[in-house]
Amino acid sequence: MKGPSRPDPELLHVRVTPRASKNKVVGWESGALRVRVTAPPVDGRANRAVLTLLAEAFGVPQSSVILVGGEHGRDKLVRVRGESVQALVSRLQTTDPPPSI
C-alpha cells in the first residue's frame, strides 16, 4: 500500500464511496485513503460511518477521529487526535488485508 503524498502531517485526505456493498478501507489512491461505506450520503450518515470505520481501522477511540473538512463532498479531511498521518499509514500497512466491517 502506497502512502499519501500530502505534506500536512496532521490531516488525512479520505475519498469516500457511499452506498457500497460493505464498509471497507480500500487503500491509497492519488494521495488519498479510499474507503467505502454502506451508508447513504444523507443527514451525515455516511460521514458517521466513515469516522467509525477509520476508528476501527486505526485502533483508536471513535472520539479521536474528527472530520475537519468535506462534510458535504466525497473528499474529506480527517484528523486523528494524537496521531500523525505517517503513523496511520504504518498501521494500515501492517494490516493485511485492509479492514472491513
Protein backbone atom coordinates (compact mmCIF):
# COMPACT_ATOMS: atom_id res chain seq x y z
CA MET A 1 0.00 0.00 0.00
CA LYS A 2 1.48 3.34 -1.01
CA GLY A 3 1.14 6.22 1.45
CA PRO A 4 -0.27 9.68 0.88
CA SER A 5 1.59 12.48 -0.83
CA ARG A 6 0.08 15.23 1.38
CA PRO A 7 2.61 17.44 3.16
CA ASP A 8 0.33 18.16 6.17
CA PRO A 9 1.42 15.79 8.96
CA GLU A 10 -1.88 16.04 10.84
CA LEU A 11 -4.66 15.81 8.23
CA LEU A 12 -5.63 12.68 6.37
CA HIS A 13 -7.22 13.06 2.93
CA VAL A 14 -10.02 10.49 2.55
CA ARG A 15 -12.01 9.75 -0.63
CA VAL A 16 -15.40 8.19 0.17
CA THR A 17 -17.72 5.99 -1.87
CA PRO A 18 -21.14 5.91 -0.18
CA ARG A 19 -23.82 3.23 -0.69
CA ALA A 20 -21.23 0.49 -1.15
CA SER A 21 -21.97 -3.19 -0.58
CA LYS A 22 -19.87 -3.21 2.62
CA ASN A 23 -17.76 -0.89 4.76
CA LYS A 24 -14.13 -1.22 3.74
CA VAL A 25 -10.79 0.59 3.69
CA VAL A 26 -9.71 0.10 0.07
CA GLY A 27 -6.20 1.58 0.17
CA TRP A 28 -4.22 4.57 -1.06
CA GLU A 29 -5.00 6.19 -4.39
CA SER A 30 -3.59 9.51 -5.63
CA GLY A 31 -2.56 10.57 -2.14
CA ALA A 32 -5.95 9.84 -0.56
CA LEU A 33 -7.16 6.94 1.52
CA ARG A 34 -10.07 5.30 -0.35
CA VAL A 35 -12.92 4.00 1.79
CA ARG A 36 -16.33 2.56 1.03
CA VAL A 37 -19.30 2.77 3.35
CA THR A 38 -22.79 1.29 3.10
CA ALA A 39 -24.48 4.41 4.47
CA PRO A 40 -26.09 6.89 2.08
CA PRO A 41 -24.83 10.49 1.98
CA VAL A 42 -27.96 11.75 3.76
CA ASP A 43 -28.17 13.58 7.09
CA GLY A 44 -24.48 12.93 7.86
CA ARG A 45 -24.89 9.13 7.93
CA ALA A 46 -22.02 8.48 5.51
CA ASN A 47 -19.75 10.83 7.48
CA ARG A 48 -20.50 9.00 10.73
CA ALA A 49 -19.88 5.65 9.01
CA VAL A 50 -16.52 6.89 7.69
CA LEU A 51 -15.41 8.06 11.13
CA THR A 52 -16.48 4.76 12.70
CA LEU A 53 -14.65 2.75 10.02
CA LEU A 54 -11.46 4.80 10.40
CA ALA A 55 -11.51 4.48 14.19
CA GLU A 56 -11.81 0.70 13.84
CA ALA A 57 -9.09 0.54 11.14
CA PHE A 58 -6.62 2.62 13.17
CA GLY A 59 -7.46 1.05 16.52
CA VAL A 60 -8.33 4.35 18.18
CA PRO A 61 -11.44 5.53 20.04
CA GLN A 62 -14.12 6.94 17.77
CA SER A 63 -13.93 10.23 19.68
CA SER A 64 -10.33 10.65 18.41
CA VAL A 65 -11.38 10.73 14.74
CA ILE A 66 -12.57 14.20 13.72
CA LEU A 67 -13.98 15.39 10.40
CA VAL A 68 -12.18 18.67 9.66
CA GLY A 69 -13.39 19.36 6.12
CA GLY A 70 -15.50 17.99 3.31
CA GLU A 71 -18.73 17.44 5.21
CA HIS A 72 -20.82 17.60 2.01
CA GLY A 73 -18.41 16.08 -0.52
CA ARG A 74 -16.69 12.78 -1.31
CA ASP A 75 -13.28 14.18 -0.41
CA LYS A 76 -12.81 14.59 3.33
CA LEU A 77 -10.08 15.88 5.60
CA VAL A 78 -9.82 13.92 8.83
CA ARG A 79 -7.69 14.43 11.91
CA VAL A 80 -6.93 11.55 14.26
CA ARG A 81 -6.15 13.16 17.58
CA GLY A 82 -2.68 12.26 18.85
CA GLU A 83 -1.58 10.58 15.59
CA SER A 84 0.44 11.74 12.59
CA VAL A 85 -0.50 10.69 9.07
CA GLN A 86 2.76 8.70 8.88
CA ALA A 87 1.82 6.70 11.99
CA LEU A 88 -1.61 5.98 10.48
CA VAL A 89 -0.04 4.88 7.19
CA SER A 90 2.19 2.48 9.12
CA ARG A 91 -0.81 0.99 10.91
CA LEU A 92 -2.63 0.34 7.65
CA GLN A 93 0.45 -1.14 6.00
CA THR A 94 0.73 -3.73 8.76
CA THR A 95 -2.94 -4.68 8.35
CA ASP A 96 -3.39 -7.22 5.56
CA PRO A 97 -6.00 -7.31 4.09
CA PRO A 98 -7.39 -3.81 4.71
CA PRO A 99 -10.05 -3.71 7.43
CA SER A 100 -13.70 -4.05 6.52
CA ILE A 101 -16.76 -4.04 8.71
